[in-house]
Full PDB file with SEQRES, HELIX, SHEET, SSBOND, CRYST1, ORIGX, SCALE, CONECT and MASTER records, all heavy atoms in Angstrom:
SEQRES   1 A   40  TYR ALA THR TYR ILE LYS LEU VAL GLN GLU LEU LEU ASP          
SEQRES   2 A   40  GLY LYS GLU VAL VAL ARG LYS GLY MET THR GLU GLU ILE          
SEQRES   3 A   40  ASP ARG CYS VAL GLU ALA TYR GLU GLN ALA LEU GLN GLY          
SEQRES   4 A   40  LYS                                                          
HELIX    1 AA1 ALA A    2  LEU A    7  1                                   6    
HELIX    2 AA2 GLN A    9  LEU A   11  5                                   3    
HELIX    3 AA3 GLU A   25  LEU A   37  1                                  13    
CRYST1    1.000    1.000    1.000  90.00  90.00  90.00 P 1           1          
ORIGX1      1.000000  0.000000  0.000000        0.00000                         
ORIGX2      0.000000  1.000000  0.000000        0.00000                         
ORIGX3      0.000000  0.000000  1.000000        0.00000                         
SCALE1      1.000000  0.000000  0.000000        0.00000                         
SCALE2      0.000000  1.000000  0.000000        0.00000                         
SCALE3      0.000000  0.000000  1.000000        0.00000                         
ATOM      1  N   TYR A   1     -12.452 -16.947  30.379  1.00  0.00           N  
ATOM      2  CA  TYR A   1     -13.516 -16.322  31.165  1.00  0.00           C  
ATOM      3  C   TYR A   1     -13.005 -16.163  32.592  1.00  0.00           C  
ATOM      4  O   TYR A   1     -12.294 -17.033  33.114  1.00  0.00           O  
ATOM      5  CB  TYR A   1     -14.750 -17.215  31.071  1.00  0.00           C  
ATOM      6  CG  TYR A   1     -15.917 -16.843  31.942  1.00  0.00           C  
ATOM      7  CD1 TYR A   1     -16.398 -15.549  32.015  1.00  0.00           C  
ATOM      8  CD2 TYR A   1     -16.573 -17.832  32.673  1.00  0.00           C  
ATOM      9  CE1 TYR A   1     -17.491 -15.237  32.813  1.00  0.00           C  
ATOM     10  CE2 TYR A   1     -17.662 -17.543  33.464  1.00  0.00           C  
ATOM     11  CZ  TYR A   1     -18.119 -16.233  33.534  1.00  0.00           C  
ATOM     12  OH  TYR A   1     -19.186 -15.930  34.327  1.00  0.00           O  
ATOM     13  N   ALA A   2     -13.358 -15.072  33.238  1.00  0.00           N  
ATOM     14  CA  ALA A   2     -12.793 -14.745  34.547  1.00  0.00           C  
ATOM     15  C   ALA A   2     -12.972 -15.877  35.555  1.00  0.00           C  
ATOM     16  O   ALA A   2     -12.061 -16.166  36.343  1.00  0.00           O  
ATOM     17  CB  ALA A   2     -13.422 -13.457  35.065  1.00  0.00           C  
ATOM     18  N   THR A   3     -14.128 -16.542  35.552  1.00  0.00           N  
ATOM     19  CA  THR A   3     -14.360 -17.645  36.492  1.00  0.00           C  
ATOM     20  C   THR A   3     -13.399 -18.799  36.230  1.00  0.00           C  
ATOM     21  O   THR A   3     -12.900 -19.431  37.162  1.00  0.00           O  
ATOM     22  CB  THR A   3     -15.814 -18.134  36.385  1.00  0.00           C  
ATOM     23  OG1 THR A   3     -16.691 -17.065  36.759  1.00  0.00           O  
ATOM     24  CG2 THR A   3     -16.062 -19.322  37.298  1.00  0.00           C  
ATOM     25  N   TYR A   4     -13.123 -19.085  34.961  1.00  0.00           N  
ATOM     26  CA  TYR A   4     -12.183 -20.152  34.626  1.00  0.00           C  
ATOM     27  C   TYR A   4     -10.779 -19.809  35.100  1.00  0.00           C  
ATOM     28  O   TYR A   4     -10.036 -20.672  35.579  1.00  0.00           O  
ATOM     29  CB  TYR A   4     -12.161 -20.411  33.118  1.00  0.00           C  
ATOM     30  CG  TYR A   4     -13.494 -20.775  32.509  1.00  0.00           C  
ATOM     31  CD1 TYR A   4     -13.736 -20.567  31.156  1.00  0.00           C  
ATOM     32  CD2 TYR A   4     -14.518 -21.334  33.271  1.00  0.00           C  
ATOM     33  CE1 TYR A   4     -14.942 -20.903  30.573  1.00  0.00           C  
ATOM     34  CE2 TYR A   4     -15.732 -21.675  32.702  1.00  0.00           C  
ATOM     35  CZ  TYR A   4     -15.945 -21.450  31.351  1.00  0.00           C  
ATOM     36  OH  TYR A   4     -17.148 -21.784  30.781  1.00  0.00           O  
ATOM     37  N   ILE A   5     -10.412 -18.555  34.956  1.00  0.00           N  
ATOM     38  CA  ILE A   5      -9.084 -18.112  35.394  1.00  0.00           C  
ATOM     39  C   ILE A   5      -8.911 -18.359  36.886  1.00  0.00           C  
ATOM     40  O   ILE A   5      -7.869 -18.842  37.351  1.00  0.00           O  
ATOM     41  CB  ILE A   5      -8.872 -16.627  35.060  1.00  0.00           C  
ATOM     42  CG1 ILE A   5      -8.859 -16.390  33.546  1.00  0.00           C  
ATOM     43  CG2 ILE A   5      -7.597 -16.104  35.712  1.00  0.00           C  
ATOM     44  CD1 ILE A   5      -7.690 -17.004  32.820  1.00  0.00           C  
ATOM     45  N   LYS A   6      -9.966 -18.076  37.667  1.00  0.00           N  
ATOM     46  CA  LYS A   6      -9.893 -18.283  39.111  1.00  0.00           C  
ATOM     47  C   LYS A   6      -9.667 -19.746  39.463  1.00  0.00           C  
ATOM     48  O   LYS A   6      -8.972 -20.066  40.425  1.00  0.00           O  
ATOM     49  CB  LYS A   6     -11.168 -17.779  39.787  1.00  0.00           C  
ATOM     50  CG  LYS A   6     -11.335 -16.270  39.789  1.00  0.00           C  
ATOM     51  CD  LYS A   6     -12.647 -15.883  40.475  1.00  0.00           C  
ATOM     52  CE  LYS A   6     -12.862 -14.370  40.439  1.00  0.00           C  
ATOM     53  NZ  LYS A   6     -14.168 -13.997  41.065  1.00  0.00           N  
ATOM     54  N   LEU A   7     -10.254 -20.650  38.668  1.00  0.00           N  
ATOM     55  CA  LEU A   7     -10.169 -22.073  38.976  1.00  0.00           C  
ATOM     56  C   LEU A   7      -8.766 -22.650  38.777  1.00  0.00           C  
ATOM     57  O   LEU A   7      -8.442 -23.700  39.336  1.00  0.00           O  
ATOM     58  CB  LEU A   7     -11.177 -22.857  38.129  1.00  0.00           C  
ATOM     59  CG  LEU A   7     -12.655 -22.626  38.468  1.00  0.00           C  
ATOM     60  CD1 LEU A   7     -13.555 -23.283  37.421  1.00  0.00           C  
ATOM     61  CD2 LEU A   7     -12.990 -23.155  39.850  1.00  0.00           C  
ATOM     62  N   VAL A   8      -7.949 -21.970  37.981  1.00  0.00           N  
ATOM     63  CA  VAL A   8      -6.582 -22.465  37.740  1.00  0.00           C  
ATOM     64  C   VAL A   8      -5.540 -21.426  38.150  1.00  0.00           C  
ATOM     65  O   VAL A   8      -4.409 -21.453  37.670  1.00  0.00           O  
ATOM     66  CB  VAL A   8      -6.401 -22.857  36.249  1.00  0.00           C  
ATOM     67  CG1 VAL A   8      -7.304 -24.022  35.882  1.00  0.00           C  
ATOM     68  CG2 VAL A   8      -6.662 -21.669  35.333  1.00  0.00           C  
ATOM     69  N   GLN A   9      -5.911 -20.557  39.059  1.00  0.00           N  
ATOM     70  CA  GLN A   9      -5.052 -19.427  39.432  1.00  0.00           C  
ATOM     71  C   GLN A   9      -3.667 -19.875  39.883  1.00  0.00           C  
ATOM     72  O   GLN A   9      -2.651 -19.241  39.571  1.00  0.00           O  
ATOM     73  CB  GLN A   9      -5.722 -18.605  40.542  1.00  0.00           C  
ATOM     74  CG  GLN A   9      -5.041 -17.269  40.844  1.00  0.00           C  
ATOM     75  CD  GLN A   9      -5.150 -16.290  39.694  1.00  0.00           C  
ATOM     76  OE1 GLN A   9      -6.236 -16.003  39.214  1.00  0.00           O  
ATOM     77  NE2 GLN A   9      -4.016 -15.778  39.232  1.00  0.00           N  
ATOM     78  N   GLU A  10      -3.595 -21.002  40.591  1.00  0.00           N  
ATOM     79  CA  GLU A  10      -2.309 -21.438  41.137  1.00  0.00           C  
ATOM     80  C   GLU A  10      -1.342 -21.886  40.045  1.00  0.00           C  
ATOM     81  O   GLU A  10      -0.140 -22.077  40.315  1.00  0.00           O  
ATOM     82  CB  GLU A  10      -2.520 -22.581  42.138  1.00  0.00           C  
ATOM     83  CG  GLU A  10      -2.915 -23.921  41.548  1.00  0.00           C  
ATOM     84  CD  GLU A  10      -4.400 -24.041  41.258  1.00  0.00           C  
ATOM     85  OE1 GLU A  10      -5.120 -23.022  41.394  1.00  0.00           O  
ATOM     86  OE2 GLU A  10      -4.844 -25.150  40.889  1.00  0.00           O  
ATOM     87  N   LEU A  11      -1.819 -22.032  38.810  1.00  0.00           N  
ATOM     88  CA  LEU A  11      -0.958 -22.464  37.711  1.00  0.00           C  
ATOM     89  C   LEU A  11      -0.487 -21.308  36.834  1.00  0.00           C  
ATOM     90  O   LEU A  11       0.200 -21.542  35.830  1.00  0.00           O  
ATOM     91  CB  LEU A  11      -1.706 -23.482  36.830  1.00  0.00           C  
ATOM     92  CG  LEU A  11      -2.257 -24.734  37.519  1.00  0.00           C  
ATOM     93  CD1 LEU A  11      -3.018 -25.604  36.520  1.00  0.00           C  
ATOM     94  CD2 LEU A  11      -1.126 -25.528  38.153  1.00  0.00           C  
ATOM     95  N   LEU A  12      -0.831 -20.087  37.209  1.00  0.00           N  
ATOM     96  CA  LEU A  12      -0.637 -18.955  36.307  1.00  0.00           C  
ATOM     97  C   LEU A  12       0.508 -18.031  36.681  1.00  0.00           C  
ATOM     98  O   LEU A  12       0.666 -16.967  36.068  1.00  0.00           O  
ATOM     99  CB  LEU A  12      -1.937 -18.140  36.207  1.00  0.00           C  
ATOM    100  CG  LEU A  12      -3.184 -18.924  35.753  1.00  0.00           C  
ATOM    101  CD1 LEU A  12      -4.386 -18.005  35.654  1.00  0.00           C  
ATOM    102  CD2 LEU A  12      -2.923 -19.608  34.414  1.00  0.00           C  
ATOM    103  N   ASP A  13       1.305 -18.378  37.646  1.00  0.00           N  
ATOM    104  CA  ASP A  13       2.421 -17.508  38.028  1.00  0.00           C  
ATOM    105  C   ASP A  13       3.347 -17.269  36.836  1.00  0.00           C  
ATOM    106  O   ASP A  13       3.768 -18.210  36.151  1.00  0.00           O  
ATOM    107  CB  ASP A  13       3.228 -18.131  39.172  1.00  0.00           C  
ATOM    108  CG  ASP A  13       2.474 -18.098  40.496  1.00  0.00           C  
ATOM    109  OD1 ASP A  13       1.459 -17.376  40.569  1.00  0.00           O  
ATOM    110  OD2 ASP A  13       2.889 -18.807  41.422  1.00  0.00           O  
ATOM    111  N   GLY A  14       3.647 -16.007  36.607  1.00  0.00           N  
ATOM    112  CA  GLY A  14       4.557 -15.645  35.529  1.00  0.00           C  
ATOM    113  C   GLY A  14       3.928 -15.607  34.153  1.00  0.00           C  
ATOM    114  O   GLY A  14       4.617 -15.338  33.160  1.00  0.00           O  
ATOM    115  N   LYS A  15       2.628 -15.864  34.064  1.00  0.00           N  
ATOM    116  CA  LYS A  15       1.939 -15.862  32.774  1.00  0.00           C  
ATOM    117  C   LYS A  15       1.291 -14.509  32.507  1.00  0.00           C  
ATOM    118  O   LYS A  15       0.878 -13.805  33.437  1.00  0.00           O  
ATOM    119  CB  LYS A  15       0.839 -16.928  32.723  1.00  0.00           C  
ATOM    120  CG  LYS A  15       1.253 -18.327  33.161  1.00  0.00           C  
ATOM    121  CD  LYS A  15       2.146 -18.981  32.147  1.00  0.00           C  
ATOM    122  CE  LYS A  15       2.478 -20.394  32.568  1.00  0.00           C  
ATOM    123  NZ  LYS A  15       3.476 -21.019  31.653  1.00  0.00           N  
ATOM    124  N   GLU A  16       1.188 -14.162  31.241  1.00  0.00           N  
ATOM    125  CA  GLU A  16       0.331 -13.047  30.854  1.00  0.00           C  
ATOM    126  C   GLU A  16      -1.099 -13.585  30.838  1.00  0.00           C  
ATOM    127  O   GLU A  16      -1.375 -14.582  30.175  1.00  0.00           O  
ATOM    128  CB  GLU A  16       0.720 -12.522  29.479  1.00  0.00           C  
ATOM    129  CG  GLU A  16      -0.153 -11.360  29.007  1.00  0.00           C  
ATOM    130  CD  GLU A  16       0.194 -10.896  27.598  1.00  0.00           C  
ATOM    131  OE1 GLU A  16       1.227 -11.320  27.052  1.00  0.00           O  
ATOM    132  OE2 GLU A  16      -0.606 -10.109  27.041  1.00  0.00           O  
ATOM    133  N   VAL A  17      -1.973 -12.955  31.580  1.00  0.00           N  
ATOM    134  CA  VAL A  17      -3.342 -13.447  31.718  1.00  0.00           C  
ATOM    135  C   VAL A  17      -4.307 -12.442  31.098  1.00  0.00           C  
ATOM    136  O   VAL A  17      -4.261 -11.249  31.407  1.00  0.00           O  
ATOM    137  CB  VAL A  17      -3.701 -13.689  33.196  1.00  0.00           C  
ATOM    138  CG1 VAL A  17      -5.156 -14.153  33.326  1.00  0.00           C  
ATOM    139  CG2 VAL A  17      -2.765 -14.735  33.811  1.00  0.00           C  
ATOM    140  N   VAL A  18      -5.184 -12.925  30.231  1.00  0.00           N  
ATOM    141  CA  VAL A  18      -6.204 -12.096  29.589  1.00  0.00           C  
ATOM    142  C   VAL A  18      -7.562 -12.620  30.012  1.00  0.00           C  
ATOM    143  O   VAL A  18      -7.938 -13.745  29.672  1.00  0.00           O  
ATOM    144  CB  VAL A  18      -6.073 -12.118  28.058  1.00  0.00           C  
ATOM    145  CG1 VAL A  18      -7.173 -11.254  27.427  1.00  0.00           C  
ATOM    146  CG2 VAL A  18      -4.697 -11.644  27.621  1.00  0.00           C  
ATOM    147  N   ARG A  19      -8.287 -11.809  30.787  1.00  0.00           N  
ATOM    148  CA  ARG A  19      -9.622 -12.198  31.259  1.00  0.00           C  
ATOM    149  C   ARG A  19     -10.682 -11.589  30.348  1.00  0.00           C  
ATOM    150  O   ARG A  19     -10.613 -10.408  30.002  1.00  0.00           O  
ATOM    151  CB  ARG A  19      -9.840 -11.722  32.701  1.00  0.00           C  
ATOM    152  CG  ARG A  19      -8.921 -12.378  33.713  1.00  0.00           C  
ATOM    153  CD  ARG A  19      -9.069 -11.711  35.072  1.00  0.00           C  
ATOM    154  NE  ARG A  19      -8.286 -12.403  36.102  1.00  0.00           N  
ATOM    155  CZ  ARG A  19      -6.986 -12.216  36.309  1.00  0.00           C  
ATOM    156  NH1 ARG A  19      -6.329 -11.341  35.549  1.00  0.00           N  
ATOM    157  NH2 ARG A  19      -6.346 -12.876  37.250  1.00  0.00           N  
ATOM    158  N   LYS A  20     -11.680 -12.393  30.011  1.00  0.00           N  
ATOM    159  CA  LYS A  20     -12.776 -11.905  29.171  1.00  0.00           C  
ATOM    160  C   LYS A  20     -14.101 -12.243  29.846  1.00  0.00           C  
ATOM    161  O   LYS A  20     -14.200 -13.181  30.639  1.00  0.00           O  
ATOM    162  CB  LYS A  20     -12.730 -12.567  27.796  1.00  0.00           C  
ATOM    163  CG  LYS A  20     -11.517 -12.185  26.950  1.00  0.00           C  
ATOM    164  CD  LYS A  20     -11.620 -10.773  26.406  1.00  0.00           C  
ATOM    165  CE  LYS A  20     -10.459 -10.456  25.479  1.00  0.00           C  
ATOM    166  NZ  LYS A  20     -10.596  -9.110  24.877  1.00  0.00           N  
ATOM    167  N   GLY A  21     -15.143 -11.488  29.503  1.00  0.00           N  
ATOM    168  CA  GLY A  21     -16.450 -11.682  30.113  1.00  0.00           C  
ATOM    169  C   GLY A  21     -17.234 -12.816  29.477  1.00  0.00           C  
ATOM    170  O   GLY A  21     -16.830 -13.416  28.474  1.00  0.00           O  
ATOM    171  N   MET A  22     -18.416 -13.081  30.045  1.00  0.00           N  
ATOM    172  CA  MET A  22     -19.256 -14.195  29.626  1.00  0.00           C  
ATOM    173  C   MET A  22     -19.678 -14.100  28.164  1.00  0.00           C  
ATOM    174  O   MET A  22     -19.758 -15.098  27.461  1.00  0.00           O  
ATOM    175  CB  MET A  22     -20.492 -14.273  30.525  1.00  0.00           C  
ATOM    176  CG  MET A  22     -21.499 -15.333  30.124  1.00  0.00           C  
ATOM    177  SD  MET A  22     -20.858 -17.018  30.190  1.00  0.00           S  
ATOM    178  CE  MET A  22     -20.986 -17.344  31.936  1.00  0.00           C  
ATOM    179  N   THR A  23     -19.958 -12.914  27.671  1.00  0.00           N  
ATOM    180  CA  THR A  23     -20.457 -12.765  26.300  1.00  0.00           C  
ATOM    181  C   THR A  23     -19.356 -12.416  25.306  1.00  0.00           C  
ATOM    182  O   THR A  23     -19.648 -12.014  24.186  1.00  0.00           O  
ATOM    183  CB  THR A  23     -21.549 -11.682  26.252  1.00  0.00           C  
ATOM    184  OG1 THR A  23     -20.986 -10.435  26.691  1.00  0.00           O  
ATOM    185  CG2 THR A  23     -22.719 -12.061  27.122  1.00  0.00           C  
ATOM    186  N   GLU A  24     -18.116 -12.578  25.689  1.00  0.00           N  
ATOM    187  CA  GLU A  24     -17.000 -12.171  24.831  1.00  0.00           C  
ATOM    188  C   GLU A  24     -16.257 -13.382  24.268  1.00  0.00           C  
ATOM    189  O   GLU A  24     -15.028 -13.377  24.157  1.00  0.00           O  
ATOM    190  CB  GLU A  24     -16.039 -11.281  25.623  1.00  0.00           C  
ATOM    191  CG  GLU A  24     -16.683  -9.990  26.116  1.00  0.00           C  
ATOM    192  CD  GLU A  24     -15.744  -9.146  26.977  1.00  0.00           C  
ATOM    193  OE1 GLU A  24     -15.126  -9.703  27.905  1.00  0.00           O  
ATOM    194  OE2 GLU A  24     -15.643  -7.933  26.705  1.00  0.00           O  
ATOM    195  N   GLU A  25     -17.001 -14.405  23.887  1.00  0.00           N  
ATOM    196  CA  GLU A  25     -16.377 -15.628  23.392  1.00  0.00           C  
ATOM    197  C   GLU A  25     -15.561 -15.379  22.120  1.00  0.00           C  
ATOM    198  O   GLU A  25     -14.430 -15.848  22.000  1.00  0.00           O  
ATOM    199  CB  GLU A  25     -17.445 -16.701  23.127  1.00  0.00           C  
ATOM    200  CG  GLU A  25     -18.067 -17.306  24.374  1.00  0.00           C  
ATOM    201  CD  GLU A  25     -19.212 -16.461  24.924  1.00  0.00           C  
ATOM    202  OE1 GLU A  25     -19.549 -15.440  24.291  1.00  0.00           O  
ATOM    203  OE2 GLU A  25     -19.760 -16.843  25.963  1.00  0.00           O  
ATOM    204  N   ILE A  26     -16.136 -14.667  21.174  1.00  0.00           N  
ATOM    205  CA  ILE A  26     -15.422 -14.418  19.921  1.00  0.00           C  
ATOM    206  C   ILE A  26     -14.197 -13.550  20.178  1.00  0.00           C  
ATOM    207  O   ILE A  26     -13.142 -13.745  19.550  1.00  0.00           O  
ATOM    208  CB  ILE A  26     -16.343 -13.771  18.877  1.00  0.00           C  
ATOM    209  CG1 ILE A  26     -17.548 -14.693  18.602  1.00  0.00           C  
ATOM    210  CG2 ILE A  26     -15.593 -13.490  17.586  1.00  0.00           C  
ATOM    211  CD1 ILE A  26     -17.176 -16.069  18.107  1.00  0.00           C  
ATOM    212  N   ASP A  27     -14.309 -12.613  21.114  1.00  0.00           N  
ATOM    213  CA  ASP A  27     -13.146 -11.782  21.462  1.00  0.00           C  
ATOM    214  C   ASP A  27     -11.999 -12.651  21.969  1.00  0.00           C  
ATOM    215  O   ASP A  27     -10.828 -12.378  21.693  1.00  0.00           O  
ATOM    216  CB  ASP A  27     -13.526 -10.751  22.530  1.00  0.00           C  
ATOM    217  CG  ASP A  27     -14.449  -9.669  22.006  1.00  0.00           C  
ATOM    218  OD1 ASP A  27     -14.522  -9.523  20.778  1.00  0.00           O  
ATOM    219  OD2 ASP A  27     -15.090  -8.983  22.813  1.00  0.00           O  
ATOM    220  N   ARG A  28     -12.328 -13.693  22.741  1.00  0.00           N  
ATOM    221  CA  ARG A  28     -11.285 -14.588  23.228  1.00  0.00           C  
ATOM    222  C   ARG A  28     -10.588 -15.293  22.073  1.00  0.00           C  
ATOM    223  O   ARG A  28      -9.358 -15.441  22.058  1.00  0.00           O  
ATOM    224  CB  ARG A  28     -11.889 -15.639  24.170  1.00  0.00           C  
ATOM    225  CG  ARG A  28     -12.285 -15.115  25.524  1.00  0.00           C  
ATOM    226  CD  ARG A  28     -12.866 -16.246  26.372  1.00  0.00           C  
ATOM    227  NE  ARG A  28     -14.244 -15.957  26.749  1.00  0.00           N  
ATOM    228  CZ  ARG A  28     -15.077 -16.822  27.296  1.00  0.00           C  
ATOM    229  NH1 ARG A  28     -14.673 -18.060  27.512  1.00  0.00           N  
ATOM    230  NH2 ARG A  28     -16.301 -16.483  27.606  1.00  0.00           N  
ATOM    231  N   CYS A  29     -11.365 -15.731  21.094  1.00  0.00           N  
ATOM    232  CA  CYS A  29     -10.789 -16.419  19.932  1.00  0.00           C  
ATOM    233  C   CYS A  29      -9.888 -15.480  19.138  1.00  0.00           C  
ATOM    234  O   CYS A  29      -8.776 -15.867  18.737  1.00  0.00           O  
ATOM    235  CB  CYS A  29     -11.897 -16.946  19.029  1.00  0.00           C  
ATOM    236  SG  CYS A  29     -13.077 -18.034  19.832  1.00  0.00           S  
ATOM    237  N   VAL A  30     -10.362 -14.275  18.893  1.00  0.00           N  
ATOM    238  CA  VAL A  30      -9.570 -13.298  18.135  1.00  0.00           C  
ATOM    239  C   VAL A  30      -8.290 -12.962  18.885  1.00  0.00           C  
ATOM    240  O   VAL A  30      -7.199 -12.877  18.293  1.00  0.00           O  
ATOM    241  CB  VAL A  30     -10.406 -12.025  17.864  1.00  0.00           C  
ATOM    242  CG1 VAL A  30      -9.540 -10.938  17.249  1.00  0.00           C  
ATOM    243  CG2 VAL A  30     -11.589 -12.358  16.956  1.00  0.00           C  
ATOM    244  N   GLU A  31      -8.407 -12.775  20.201  1.00  0.00           N  
ATOM    245  CA  GLU A  31      -7.228 -12.464  21.015  1.00  0.00           C  
ATOM    246  C   GLU A  31      -6.203 -13.594  20.941  1.00  0.00           C  
ATOM    247  O   GLU A  31      -4.988 -13.355  20.819  1.00  0.00           O  
ATOM    248  CB  GLU A  31      -7.653 -12.246  22.462  1.00  0.00           C  
ATOM    249  CG  GLU A  31      -6.520 -11.930  23.425  1.00  0.00           C  
ATOM    250  CD  GLU A  31      -6.000 -10.508  23.279  1.00  0.00           C  
ATOM    251  OE1 GLU A  31      -6.743  -9.649  22.771  1.00  0.00           O  
ATOM    252  OE2 GLU A  31      -4.837 -10.280  23.669  1.00  0.00           O  
ATOM    253  N   ALA A  32      -6.671 -14.843  21.003  1.00  0.00           N  
ATOM    254  CA  ALA A  32      -5.752 -15.979  20.918  1.00  0.00           C  
ATOM    255  C   ALA A  32      -5.020 -15.991  19.585  1.00  0.00           C  
ATOM    256  O   ALA A  32      -3.797 -16.234  19.532  1.00  0.00           O  
ATOM    257  CB  ALA A  32      -6.524 -17.280  21.113  1.00  0.00           C  
ATOM    258  N   TYR A  33      -5.734 -15.716  18.509  1.00  0.00           N  
ATOM    259  CA  TYR A  33      -5.109 -15.712  17.186  1.00  0.00           C  
ATOM    260  C   TYR A  33      -4.092 -14.584  17.065  1.00  0.00           C  
ATOM    261  O   TYR A  33      -2.966 -14.786  16.565  1.00  0.00           O  
ATOM    262  CB  TYR A  33      -6.193 -15.585  16.119  1.00  0.00           C  
ATOM    263  CG  TYR A  33      -5.685 -15.669  14.699  1.00  0.00           C  
ATOM    264  CD1 TYR A  33      -4.763 -16.654  14.318  1.00  0.00           C  
ATOM    265  CD2 TYR A  33      -6.136 -14.785  13.729  1.00  0.00           C  
ATOM    266  CE1 TYR A  33      -4.308 -16.735  13.014  1.00  0.00           C  
ATOM    267  CE2 TYR A  33      -5.684 -14.860  12.412  1.00  0.00           C  
ATOM    268  CZ  TYR A  33      -4.763 -15.837  12.066  1.00  0.00           C  
ATOM    269  OH  TYR A  33      -4.308 -15.906  10.774  1.00  0.00           O  
ATOM    270  N   GLU A  34      -4.460 -13.404  17.533  1.00  0.00           N  
ATOM    271  CA  GLU A  34      -3.546 -12.265  17.438  1.00  0.00           C  
ATOM    272  C   GLU A  34      -2.282 -12.489  18.253  1.00  0.00           C  
ATOM    273  O   GLU A  34      -1.172 -12.139  17.826  1.00  0.00           O  
ATOM    274  CB  GLU A  34      -4.267 -10.991  17.889  1.00  0.00           C  
ATOM    275  CG  GLU A  34      -5.362 -10.546  16.917  1.00  0.00           C  
ATOM    276  CD  GLU A  34      -6.106  -9.317  17.405  1.00  0.00           C  
ATOM    277  OE1 GLU A  34      -5.948  -8.954  18.597  1.00  0.00           O  
ATOM    278  OE2 GLU A  34      -6.858  -8.717  16.604  1.00  0.00           O  
ATOM    279  N   GLN A  35      -2.421 -13.089  19.431  1.00  0.00           N  
ATOM    280  CA  GLN A  35      -1.250 -13.381  20.267  1.00  0.00           C  
ATOM    281  C   GLN A  35      -0.368 -14.445  19.592  1.00  0.00           C  
ATOM    282  O   GLN A  35       0.867 -14.364  19.621  1.00  0.00           O  
ATOM    283  CB  GLN A  35      -1.690 -13.872  21.643  1.00  0.00           C  
ATOM    284  CG  GLN A  35      -2.441 -12.838  22.484  1.00  0.00           C  
ATOM    285  CD  GLN A  35      -1.497 -11.915  23.250  1.00  0.00           C  
ATOM    286  OE1 GLN A  35      -0.285 -11.955  23.089  1.00  0.00           O  
ATOM    287  NE2 GLN A  35      -2.073 -11.057  24.080  1.00  0.00           N  
ATOM    288  N   ALA A  36      -1.004 -15.431  18.965  1.00  0.00           N  
ATOM    289  CA  ALA A  36      -0.233 -16.473  18.286  1.00  0.00           C  
ATOM    290  C   ALA A  36       0.505 -15.908  17.080  1.00  0.00           C  
ATOM    291  O   ALA A  36       1.619 -16.349  16.760  1.00  0.00           O  
ATOM    292  CB  ALA A  36      -1.156 -17.611  17.866  1.00  0.00           C  
ATOM    293  N   LEU A  37      -0.103 -14.941  16.396  1.00  0.00           N  
ATOM    294  CA  LEU A  37       0.567 -14.301  15.261  1.00  0.00           C  
ATOM    295  C   LEU A  37       1.847 -13.592  15.694  1.00  0.00           C  
ATOM    296  O   LEU A  37       2.753 -13.383  14.879  1.00  0.00           O  
ATOM    297  CB  LEU A  37      -0.382 -13.308  14.585  1.00  0.00           C  
ATOM    298  CG  LEU A  37      -1.506 -13.906  13.716  1.00  0.00           C  
ATOM    299  CD1 LEU A  37      -2.459 -12.817  13.257  1.00  0.00           C  
ATOM    300  CD2 LEU A  37      -0.921 -14.656  12.515  1.00  0.00           C  
ATOM    301  N   GLN A  38       1.923 -13.225  16.977  1.00  0.00           N  
ATOM    302  CA  GLN A  38       3.132 -12.582  17.515  1.00  0.00           C  
ATOM    303  C   GLN A  38       4.188 -13.601  17.936  1.00  0.00           C  
ATOM    304  O   GLN A  38       5.217 -13.249  18.512  1.00  0.00           O  
ATOM    305  CB  GLN A  38       2.760 -11.694  18.704  1.00  0.00           C  
ATOM    306  CG  GLN A  38       1.814 -10.552  18.364  1.00  0.00           C  
ATOM    307  CD  GLN A  38       1.342  -9.795  19.599  1.00  0.00           C  
ATOM    308  OE1 GLN A  38       2.098  -9.641  20.571  1.00  0.00           O  
ATOM    309  NE2 GLN A  38       0.105  -9.313  19.562  1.00  0.00           N  
ATOM    310  N   GLY A  39       3.907 -14.873  17.673  1.00  0.00           N  
ATOM    311  CA  GLY A  39       4.859 -15.910  17.994  1.00  0.00           C  
ATOM    312  C   GLY A  39       4.710 -16.487  19.380  1.00  0.00           C  
ATOM    313  O   GLY A  39       5.554 -17.278  19.820  1.00  0.00           O  
ATOM    314  N   LYS A  40       3.640 -16.181  20.084  1.00  0.00           N  
ATOM    315  CA  LYS A  40       3.446 -16.652  21.451  1.00  0.00           C  
ATOM    316  C   LYS A  40       2.692 -17.988  21.474  1.00  0.00           C  
ATOM    317  O   LYS A  40       1.937 -18.301  20.558  1.00  0.00           O  
ATOM    318  CB  LYS A  40       2.675 -15.619  22.272  1.00  0.00           C  
ATOM    319  CG  LYS A  40       3.395 -14.281  22.411  1.00  0.00           C  
ATOM    320  CD  LYS A  40       2.541 -13.291  23.187  1.00  0.00           C  
ATOM    321  CE  LYS A  40       3.235 -11.939  23.296  1.00  0.00           C  
ATOM    322  NZ  LYS A  40       2.417 -10.945  24.034  1.00  0.00           N  
TER     323      LYS A  40                                                      
MASTER        0    0    0    3    0    0    0    6  322    1    0    4          
END                                                                             
């Protein structure tokens, strides 16, 4: 969630960051699975 990303921003240098909205919880889960399927 975008607010969570802001809270740890200083730890994210060099990372691919995917921000999702408040009502997109399932989208976050699906995105995590799809990224993991790519070996990440």
